Amino acid sequence: FAKRYMESPRRPFVVWGFDASKQAVAGMTVHILNIGIAEYLTHAVGAAALKSDECDFYFVNFVIDIFVGVTATYLLLAIVGVFAEKF
């Protein structure tokens, strides 16, 4: 809510609400998928032998997701910027 009141020009509440809910749904989806992947890896790899648990796999998956996601977003933005300047 603080971001909405600090932005200028302020978007209509409905537009802001759709944007905020989109981000919330995306965050929950990634969280649920990460939990599922961590559970799967824990049982598929045999985490007892590695002395690991779901939290370890969740953390590794989260870090990889952030690194790959930010890198891919940056590269796509750079490519789109090049095309935007040409055309």
PDB file of N, CA and C in Angstrom:
ATOM      1  N   PHE A   1       0.816  -1.198   0.000  1.00  0.00           N
ATOM      2  CA  PHE A   1       0.000   0.000   0.000  1.00  0.00           C
ATOM      3  C   PHE A   1       0.855   1.255   0.000  1.00  0.00           C
ATOM      4  N   ALA A   2       2.003   1.197   0.666  1.00  0.00           N
ATOM      5  CA  ALA A   2       2.867   2.372   0.721  1.00  0.00           C
ATOM      6  C   ALA A   2       3.364   2.748  -0.670  1.00  0.00           C
ATOM      7  N   LYS A   3       3.698   1.750  -1.471  1.00  0.00           N
ATOM      8  CA  LYS A   3       4.189   2.029  -2.826  1.00  0.00           C
ATOM      9  C   LYS A   3       3.118   2.736  -3.645  1.00  0.00           C
ATOM     10  N   ARG A   4       1.869   2.323  -3.484  1.00  0.00           N
ATOM     11  CA  ARG A   4       0.787   2.940  -4.234  1.00  0.00           C
ATOM     12  C   ARG A   4       0.660   4.419  -3.903  1.00  0.00           C
ATOM     13  N   TYR A   5       0.802   4.754  -2.652  1.00  0.00           N
ATOM     14  CA  TYR A   5       0.649   6.157  -2.252  1.00  0.00           C
ATOM     15  C   TYR A   5       1.872   7.000  -2.565  1.00  0.00           C
ATOM     16  N   MET A   6       3.025   6.362  -2.783  1.00  0.00           N
ATOM     17  CA  MET A   6       4.242   7.115  -3.081  1.00  0.00           C
ATOM     18  C   MET A   6       4.479   7.302  -4.572  1.00  0.00           C
ATOM     19  N   GLU A   7       3.810   6.499  -5.424  1.00  0.00           N
ATOM     20  CA  GLU A   7       4.068   6.602  -6.857  1.00  0.00           C
ATOM     21  C   GLU A   7       3.387   7.836  -7.451  1.00  0.00           C
ATOM     22  N   SER A   8       4.019   8.332  -8.502  1.00  0.00           N
ATOM     23  CA  SER A   8       3.478   9.510  -9.172  1.00  0.00           C
ATOM     24  C   SER A   8       3.672   9.339 -10.666  1.00  0.00           C
ATOM     25  N   PRO A   9       2.691   9.406 -11.486  1.00  0.00           N
ATOM     26  CA  PRO A   9       1.267   9.579 -11.146  1.00  0.00           C
ATOM     27  C   PRO A   9       0.703   8.283 -10.577  1.00  0.00           C
ATOM     28  N   ARG A  10      -0.276   8.441  -9.713  1.00  0.00           N
ATOM     29  CA  ARG A  10      -0.865   7.295  -9.037  1.00  0.00           C
ATOM     30  C   ARG A  10      -1.826   6.567  -9.974  1.00  0.00           C
ATOM     31  N   ARG A  11      -1.625   5.260 -10.093  1.00  0.00           N
ATOM     32  CA  ARG A  11      -2.510   4.452 -10.924  1.00  0.00           C
ATOM     33  C   ARG A  11      -3.864   4.300 -10.241  1.00  0.00           C
ATOM     34  N   PRO A  12      -4.912   4.062 -11.037  1.00  0.00           N
ATOM     35  CA  PRO A  12      -6.213   3.777 -10.407  1.00  0.00           C
ATOM     36  C   PRO A  12      -6.113   2.551  -9.501  1.00  0.00           C
ATOM     37  N   PHE A  13      -6.947   2.509  -8.481  1.00  0.00           N
ATOM     38  CA  PHE A  13      -6.881   1.436  -7.503  1.00  0.00           C
ATOM     39  C   PHE A  13      -7.064   0.065  -8.144  1.00  0.00           C
ATOM     40  N   VAL A  14      -7.956  -0.041  -9.115  1.00  0.00           N
ATOM     41  CA  VAL A  14      -8.210  -1.327  -9.769  1.00  0.00           C
ATOM     42  C   VAL A  14      -6.959  -1.803 -10.509  1.00  0.00           C
ATOM     43  N   VAL A  15      -6.287  -0.908 -11.221  1.00  0.00           N
ATOM     44  CA  VAL A  15      -5.068  -1.268 -11.946  1.00  0.00           C
ATOM     45  C   VAL A  15      -3.993  -1.696 -10.958  1.00  0.00           C
ATOM     46  N   TRP A  16      -3.825  -0.936  -9.896  1.00  0.00           N
ATOM     47  CA  TRP A  16      -2.851  -1.284  -8.872  1.00  0.00           C
ATOM     48  C   TRP A  16      -3.195  -2.628  -8.232  1.00  0.00           C
ATOM     49  N   GLY A  17      -4.475  -2.864  -7.967  1.00  0.00           N
ATOM     50  CA  GLY A  17      -4.911  -4.117  -7.359  1.00  0.00           C
ATOM     51  C   GLY A  17      -4.621  -5.319  -8.246  1.00  0.00           C
ATOM     52  N   PHE A  18      -4.876  -5.169  -9.560  1.00  0.00           N
ATOM     53  CA  PHE A  18      -4.570  -6.271 -10.472  1.00  0.00           C
ATOM     54  C   PHE A  18      -3.071  -6.544 -10.512  1.00  0.00           C
ATOM     55  N   ASP A  19      -2.267  -5.493 -10.527  1.00  0.00           N
ATOM     56  CA  ASP A  19      -0.812  -5.667 -10.558  1.00  0.00           C
ATOM     57  C   ASP A  19      -0.316  -6.338  -9.283  1.00  0.00           C
ATOM     58  N   ALA A  20      -0.807  -5.876  -8.146  1.00  0.00           N
ATOM     59  CA  ALA A  20      -0.385  -6.454  -6.868  1.00  0.00           C
ATOM     60  C   ALA A  20      -0.832  -7.909  -6.748  1.00  0.00           C
ATOM     61  N   SER A  21      -2.055  -8.208  -7.180  1.00  0.00           N
ATOM     62  CA  SER A  21      -2.533  -9.590  -7.082  1.00  0.00           C
ATOM     63  C   SER A  21      -1.770 -10.498  -8.040  1.00  0.00           C
ATOM     64  N   LYS A  22      -1.383  -9.974  -9.205  1.00  0.00           N
ATOM     65  CA  LYS A  22      -0.585 -10.766 -10.153  1.00  0.00           C
ATOM     66  C   LYS A  22       0.750 -11.143  -9.517  1.00  0.00           C
ATOM     67  N   GLN A  23       1.366 -10.198  -8.855  1.00  0.00           N
ATOM     68  CA  GLN A  23       2.650 -10.470  -8.211  1.00  0.00           C
ATOM     69  C   GLN A  23       2.486 -11.446  -7.048  1.00  0.00           C
ATOM     70  N   ALA A  24       1.396 -11.325  -6.303  1.00  0.00           N
ATOM     71  CA  ALA A  24       1.149 -12.234  -5.184  1.00  0.00           C
ATOM     72  C   ALA A  24       0.918 -13.661  -5.681  1.00  0.00           C
ATOM     73  N   VAL A  25       0.131 -13.819  -6.743  1.00  0.00           N
ATOM     74  CA  VAL A  25      -0.134 -15.146  -7.299  1.00  0.00           C
ATOM     75  C   VAL A  25       1.156 -15.753  -7.855  1.00  0.00           C
ATOM     76  N   ALA A  26       1.960 -14.957  -8.532  1.00  0.00           N
ATOM     77  CA  ALA A  26       3.232 -15.457  -9.066  1.00  0.00           C
ATOM     78  C   ALA A  26       4.152 -15.901  -7.930  1.00  0.00           C
ATOM     79  N   GLY A  27       4.228 -15.117  -6.876  1.00  0.00           N
ATOM     80  CA  GLY A  27       5.067 -15.487  -5.729  1.00  0.00           C
ATOM     81  C   GLY A  27       4.597 -16.765  -5.056  1.00  0.00           C
ATOM     82  N   MET A  28       3.282 -16.899  -4.887  1.00  0.00           N
ATOM     83  CA  MET A  28       2.760 -18.126  -4.271  1.00  0.00           C
ATOM     84  C   MET A  28       2.989 -19.337  -5.167  1.00  0.00           C
ATOM     85  N   THR A  29       2.841 -19.151  -6.470  1.00  0.00           N
ATOM     86  CA  THR A  29       3.063 -20.261  -7.406  1.00  0.00           C
ATOM     87  C   THR A  29       4.501 -20.741  -7.345  1.00  0.00           C
ATOM     88  N   VAL A  30       5.450 -19.812  -7.366  1.00  0.00           N
ATOM     89  CA  VAL A  30       6.865 -20.182  -7.285  1.00  0.00           C
ATOM     90  C   VAL A  30       7.161 -20.871  -5.949  1.00  0.00           C
ATOM     91  N   HIS A  31       6.582 -20.379  -4.882  1.00  0.00           N
ATOM     92  CA  HIS A  31       6.801 -20.968  -3.562  1.00  0.00           C
ATOM     93  C   HIS A  31       6.284 -22.405  -3.524  1.00  0.00           C
ATOM     94  N   ILE A  32       5.076 -22.620  -4.020  1.00  0.00           N
ATOM     95  CA  ILE A  32       4.489 -23.961  -4.010  1.00  0.00           C
ATOM     96  C   ILE A  32       5.292 -24.910  -4.905  1.00  0.00           C
ATOM     97  N   LEU A  33       5.705 -24.432  -6.076  1.00  0.00           N
ATOM     98  CA  LEU A  33       6.526 -25.271  -6.950  1.00  0.00           C
ATOM     99  C   LEU A  33       7.868 -25.602  -6.306  1.00  0.00           C
ATOM    100  N   ASN A  34       8.479 -24.637  -5.643  1.00  0.00           N
ATOM    101  CA  ASN A  34       9.750 -24.899  -4.960  1.00  0.00           C
ATOM    102  C   ASN A  34       9.586 -25.932  -3.853  1.00  0.00           C
ATOM    103  N   ILE A  35       8.486 -25.866  -3.124  1.00  0.00           N
ATOM    104  CA  ILE A  35       8.235 -26.868  -2.081  1.00  0.00           C
ATOM    105  C   ILE A  35       8.088 -28.255  -2.714  1.00  0.00           C
ATOM    106  N   GLY A  36       7.330 -28.327  -3.807  1.00  0.00           N
ATOM    107  CA  GLY A  36       7.153 -29.609  -4.485  1.00  0.00           C
ATOM    108  C   GLY A  36       8.460 -30.170  -5.010  1.00  0.00           C
ATOM    109  N   ILE A  37       9.262 -29.321  -5.620  1.00  0.00           N
ATOM    110  CA  ILE A  37      10.562 -29.767  -6.140  1.00  0.00           C
ATOM    111  C   ILE A  37      11.468 -30.212  -4.996  1.00  0.00           C
ATOM    112  N   ALA A  38      11.459 -29.479  -3.891  1.00  0.00           N
ATOM    113  CA  ALA A  38      12.287 -29.853  -2.739  1.00  0.00           C
ATOM    114  C   ALA A  38      11.852 -31.200  -2.169  1.00  0.00           C
ATOM    115  N   GLU A  39      10.552 -31.414  -2.076  1.00  0.00           N
ATOM    116  CA  GLU A  39      10.045 -32.709  -1.592  1.00  0.00           C
ATOM    117  C   GLU A  39      10.463 -33.832  -2.531  1.00  0.00           C
ATOM    118  N   TYR A  40      10.299 -33.597  -3.823  1.00  0.00           N
ATOM    119  CA  TYR A  40      10.663 -34.624  -4.810  1.00  0.00           C
ATOM    120  C   TYR A  40      12.157 -34.948  -4.727  1.00  0.00           C
ATOM    121  N   LEU A  41      12.999 -33.930  -4.704  1.00  0.00           N
ATOM    122  CA  LEU A  41      14.442 -34.165  -4.664  1.00  0.00           C
ATOM    123  C   LEU A  41      14.871 -34.861  -3.375  1.00  0.00           C
ATOM    124  N   THR A  42      14.210 -34.533  -2.277  1.00  0.00           N
ATOM    125  CA  THR A  42      14.557 -35.160  -1.004  1.00  0.00           C
ATOM    126  C   THR A  42      14.342 -36.667  -1.065  1.00  0.00           C
ATOM    127  N   HIS A  43      13.240 -37.076  -1.675  1.00  0.00           N
ATOM    128  CA  HIS A  43      12.925 -38.506  -1.731  1.00  0.00           C
ATOM    129  C   HIS A  43      13.611 -39.197  -2.908  1.00  0.00           C
ATOM    130  N   ALA A  44      13.805 -38.486  -4.028  1.00  0.00           N
ATOM    131  CA  ALA A  44      14.410 -39.104  -5.210  1.00  0.00           C
ATOM    132  C   ALA A  44      15.912 -39.305  -5.047  1.00  0.00           C
ATOM    133  N   VAL A  45      16.576 -38.365  -4.390  1.00  0.00           N
ATOM    134  CA  VAL A  45      18.029 -38.425  -4.264  1.00  0.00           C
ATOM    135  C   VAL A  45      18.444 -39.283  -3.078  1.00  0.00           C
ATOM    136  N   GLY A  46      17.554 -39.439  -2.129  1.00  0.00           N
ATOM    137  CA  GLY A  46      17.926 -40.164  -0.918  1.00  0.00           C
ATOM    138  C   GLY A  46      18.668 -39.230   0.013  1.00  0.00           C
ATOM    139  N   ALA A  47      17.966 -38.215   0.472  1.00  0.00           N
ATOM    140  CA  ALA A  47      18.595 -37.160   1.260  1.00  0.00           C
ATOM    141  C   ALA A  47      19.162 -37.657   2.582  1.00  0.00           C
ATOM    142  N   ALA A  48      18.692 -38.793   3.067  1.00  0.00           N
ATOM    143  CA  ALA A  48      19.227 -39.310   4.338  1.00  0.00           C
ATOM    144  C   ALA A  48      20.711 -39.626   4.204  1.00  0.00           C
ATOM    145  N   ALA A  49      21.093 -40.128   3.043  1.00  0.00           N
ATOM    146  CA  ALA A  49      22.508 -40.433   2.825  1.00  0.00           C
ATOM    147  C   ALA A  49      23.341 -39.159   2.737  1.00  0.00           C
ATOM    148  N   LEU A  50      22.712 -38.076   2.269  1.00  0.00           N
ATOM    149  CA  LEU A  50      23.431 -36.805   2.145  1.00  0.00           C
ATOM    150  C   LEU A  50      23.318 -35.945   3.396  1.00  0.00           C
ATOM    151  N   LYS A  51      22.531 -36.411   4.349  1.00  0.00           N
ATOM    152  CA  LYS A  51      22.238 -35.639   5.563  1.00  0.00           C
ATOM    153  C   LYS A  51      21.647 -34.277   5.197  1.00  0.00           C
ATOM    154  N   SER A  52      20.702 -34.300   4.264  1.00  0.00           N
ATOM    155  CA  SER A  52      20.002 -33.095   3.819  1.00  0.00           C
ATOM    156  C   SER A  52      18.520 -33.255   4.106  1.00  0.00           C
ATOM    157  N   ASP A  53      17.830 -32.139   4.070  1.00  0.00           N
ATOM    158  CA  ASP A  53      16.382 -32.186   4.196  1.00  0.00           C
ATOM    159  C   ASP A  53      15.754 -31.268   3.147  1.00  0.00           C
ATOM    160  N   GLU A  54      14.431 -31.111   3.226  1.00  0.00           N
ATOM    161  CA  GLU A  54      13.716 -30.312   2.238  1.00  0.00           C
ATOM    162  C   GLU A  54      14.194 -28.860   2.211  1.00  0.00           C
ATOM    163  N   CYS A  55      14.566 -28.349   3.362  1.00  0.00           N
ATOM    164  CA  CYS A  55      14.990 -26.944   3.438  1.00  0.00           C
ATOM    165  C   CYS A  55      16.260 -26.698   2.615  1.00  0.00           C
ATOM    166  N   ASP A  56      17.163 -27.651   2.642  1.00  0.00           N
ATOM    167  CA  ASP A  56      18.391 -27.509   1.856  1.00  0.00           C
ATOM    168  C   ASP A  56      18.085 -27.448   0.367  1.00  0.00           C
ATOM    169  N   PHE A  57      17.240 -28.374  -0.088  1.00  0.00           N
ATOM    170  CA  PHE A  57      16.889 -28.387  -1.505  1.00  0.00           C
ATOM    171  C   PHE A  57      16.070 -27.155  -1.889  1.00  0.00           C
ATOM    172  N   TYR A  58      15.195 -26.702  -0.981  1.00  0.00           N
ATOM    173  CA  TYR A  58      14.408 -25.494  -1.251  1.00  0.00           C
ATOM    174  C   TYR A  58      15.340 -24.295  -1.438  1.00  0.00           C
ATOM    175  N   PHE A  59      16.321 -24.147  -0.545  1.00  0.00           N
ATOM    176  CA  PHE A  59      17.249 -23.028  -0.623  1.00  0.00           C
ATOM    177  C   PHE A  59      18.045 -23.056  -1.924  1.00  0.00           C
ATOM    178  N   VAL A  60      18.572 -24.216  -2.284  1.00  0.00           N
ATOM    179  CA  VAL A  60      19.353 -24.334  -3.522  1.00  0.00           C
ATOM    180  C   VAL A  60      18.483 -24.022  -4.731  1.00  0.00           C
ATOM    181  N   ASN A  61      17.264 -24.555  -4.748  1.00  0.00           N
ATOM    182  CA  ASN A  61      16.350 -24.298  -5.856  1.00  0.00           C
ATOM    183  C   ASN A  61      15.989 -22.815  -5.930  1.00  0.00           C
ATOM    184  N   PHE A  62      15.783 -22.180  -4.792  1.00  0.00           N
ATOM    185  CA  PHE A  62      15.452 -20.758  -4.746  1.00  0.00           C
ATOM    186  C   PHE A  62      16.599 -19.913  -5.299  1.00  0.00           C
ATOM    187  N   VAL A  63      17.817 -20.211  -4.891  1.00  0.00           N
ATOM    188  CA  VAL A  63      18.983 -19.461  -5.361  1.00  0.00           C
ATOM    189  C   VAL A  63      19.168 -19.638  -6.872  1.00  0.00           C
ATOM    190  N   ILE A  64      19.037 -20.871  -7.347  1.00  0.00           N
ATOM    191  CA  ILE A  64      19.158 -21.113  -8.789  1.00  0.00           C
ATOM    192  C   ILE A  64      18.057 -20.382  -9.540  1.00  0.00           C
ATOM    193  N   ASP A  65      16.834 -20.437  -9.013  1.00  0.00           N
ATOM    194  CA  ASP A  65      15.697 -19.764  -9.647  1.00  0.00           C
ATOM    195  C   ASP A  65      15.941 -18.259  -9.741  1.00  0.00           C
ATOM    196  N   ILE A  66      16.429 -17.658  -8.681  1.00  0.00           N
ATOM    197  CA  ILE A  66      16.700 -16.218  -8.682  1.00  0.00           C
ATOM    198  C   ILE A  66      17.816 -15.885  -9.669  1.00  0.00           C
ATOM    199  N   PHE A  67      18.912 -16.637  -9.627  1.00  0.00           N
ATOM    200  CA  PHE A  67      20.044 -16.358 -10.507  1.00  0.00           C
ATOM    201  C   PHE A  67      19.655 -16.504 -11.975  1.00  0.00           C
ATOM    202  N   VAL A  68      19.035 -17.618 -12.315  1.00  0.00           N
ATOM    203  CA  VAL A  68      18.643 -17.857 -13.713  1.00  0.00           C
ATOM    204  C   VAL A  68      17.567 -16.868 -14.136  1.00  0.00           C
ATOM    205  N   GLY A  69      16.599 -16.623 -13.263  1.00  0.00           N
ATOM    206  CA  GLY A  69      15.510 -15.704 -13.600  1.00  0.00           C
ATOM    207  C   GLY A  69      15.982 -14.283 -13.839  1.00  0.00           C
ATOM    208  N   VAL A  70      16.817 -13.778 -12.962  1.00  0.00           N
ATOM    209  CA  VAL A  70      17.326 -12.409 -13.118  1.00  0.00           C
ATOM    210  C   VAL A  70      18.228 -12.309 -14.347  1.00  0.00           C
ATOM    211  N   THR A  71      19.060 -13.313 -14.565  1.00  0.00           N
ATOM    212  CA  THR A  71      19.938 -13.305 -15.736  1.00  0.00           C
ATOM    213  C   THR A  71      19.128 -13.345 -17.025  1.00  0.00           C
ATOM    214  N   ALA A  72      18.139 -14.223 -17.096  1.00  0.00           N
ATOM    215  CA  ALA A  72      17.303 -14.318 -18.296  1.00  0.00           C
ATOM    216  C   ALA A  72      16.528 -13.027 -18.529  1.00  0.00           C
ATOM    217  N   THR A  73      15.998 -12.442 -17.479  1.00  0.00           N
ATOM    218  CA  THR A  73      15.257 -11.192 -17.613  1.00  0.00           C
ATOM    219  C   THR A  73      16.164 -10.075 -18.107  1.00  0.00           C
ATOM    220  N   TYR A  74      17.365  -9.988 -17.571  1.00  0.00           N
ATOM    221  CA  TYR A  74      18.315  -8.962 -18.003  1.00  0.00           C
ATOM    222  C   TYR A  74      18.675  -9.135 -19.475  1.00  0.00           C
ATOM    223  N   LEU A  75      18.962 -10.369 -19.879  1.00  0.00           N
ATOM    224  CA  LEU A  75      19.333 -10.617 -21.278  1.00  0.00           C
ATOM    225  C   LEU A  75      18.169 -10.314 -22.223  1.00  0.00           C
ATOM    226  N   LEU A  76      16.965 -10.732 -21.860  1.00  0.00           N
ATOM    227  CA  LEU A  76      15.807 -10.438 -22.702  1.00  0.00           C
ATOM    228  C   LEU A  76      15.555  -8.932 -22.798  1.00  0.00           C
ATOM    229  N   LEU A  77      15.721  -8.228 -21.691  1.00  0.00           N
ATOM    230  CA  LEU A  77      15.542  -6.780 -21.713  1.00  0.00           C
ATOM    231  C   LEU A  77      16.585  -6.118 -22.607  1.00  0.00           C
ATOM    232  N   ALA A  78      17.810  -6.593 -22.570  1.00  0.00           N
ATOM    233  CA  ALA A  78      18.861  -6.044 -23.427  1.00  0.00           C
ATOM    234  C   ALA A  78      18.548  -6.306 -24.901  1.00  0.00           C
ATOM    235  N   ILE A  79      18.073  -7.504 -25.209  1.00  0.00           N
ATOM    236  CA  ILE A  79      17.722  -7.828 -26.597  1.00  0.00           C
ATOM    237  C   ILE A  79      16.565  -6.969 -27.094  1.00  0.00           C
ATOM    238  N   VAL A  80      15.533  -6.837 -26.274  1.00  0.00           N
ATOM    239  CA  VAL A  80      14.385  -6.006 -26.639  1.00  0.00           C
ATOM    240  C   VAL A  80      14.821  -4.557 -26.816  1.00  0.00           C
ATOM    241  N   GLY A  81      15.738  -4.084 -25.969  1.00  0.00           N
ATOM    242  CA  GLY A  81      16.256  -2.715 -26.102  1.00  0.00           C
ATOM    243  C   GLY A  81      16.969  -2.498 -27.418  1.00  0.00           C
ATOM    244  N   VAL A  82      17.749  -3.475 -27.847  1.00  0.00           N
ATOM    245  CA  VAL A  82      18.446  -3.357 -29.137  1.00  0.00           C
ATOM    246  C   VAL A  82      17.449  -3.281 -30.272  1.00  0.00           C
ATOM    247  N   PHE A  83      16.436  -4.156 -30.262  1.00  0.00           N
ATOM    248  CA  PHE A  83      15.419  -4.119 -31.312  1.00  0.00           C
ATOM    249  C   PHE A  83      14.602  -2.826 -31.277  1.00  0.00           C
ATOM    250  N   ALA A  84      14.327  -2.328 -30.078  1.00  0.00           N
ATOM    251  CA  ALA A  84      13.548  -1.097 -29.961  1.00  0.00           C
ATOM    252  C   ALA A  84      14.305   0.091 -30.542  1.00  0.00           C
ATOM    253  N   GLU A  85      15.617   0.127 -30.350  1.00  0.00           N
ATOM    254  CA  GLU A  85      16.398   1.223 -30.907  1.00  0.00           C
ATOM    255  C   GLU A  85      16.504   1.137 -32.429  1.00  0.00           C
ATOM    256  N   LYS A  86      16.550  -0.087 -32.976  1.00  0.00           N
ATOM    257  CA  LYS A  86      16.665  -0.252 -34.419  1.00  0.00           C
ATOM    258  C   LYS A  86      15.362   0.054 -35.138  1.00  0.00           C
ATOM    259  N   PHE A  87      14.259  -0.348 -34.552  1.00  0.00           N
ATOM    260  CA  PHE A  87      12.973  -0.201 -35.230  1.00  0.00           C
ATOM    261  C   PHE A  87      12.155   0.844 -34.531  1.00  0.00           C
TER     262      PHE A  87
END
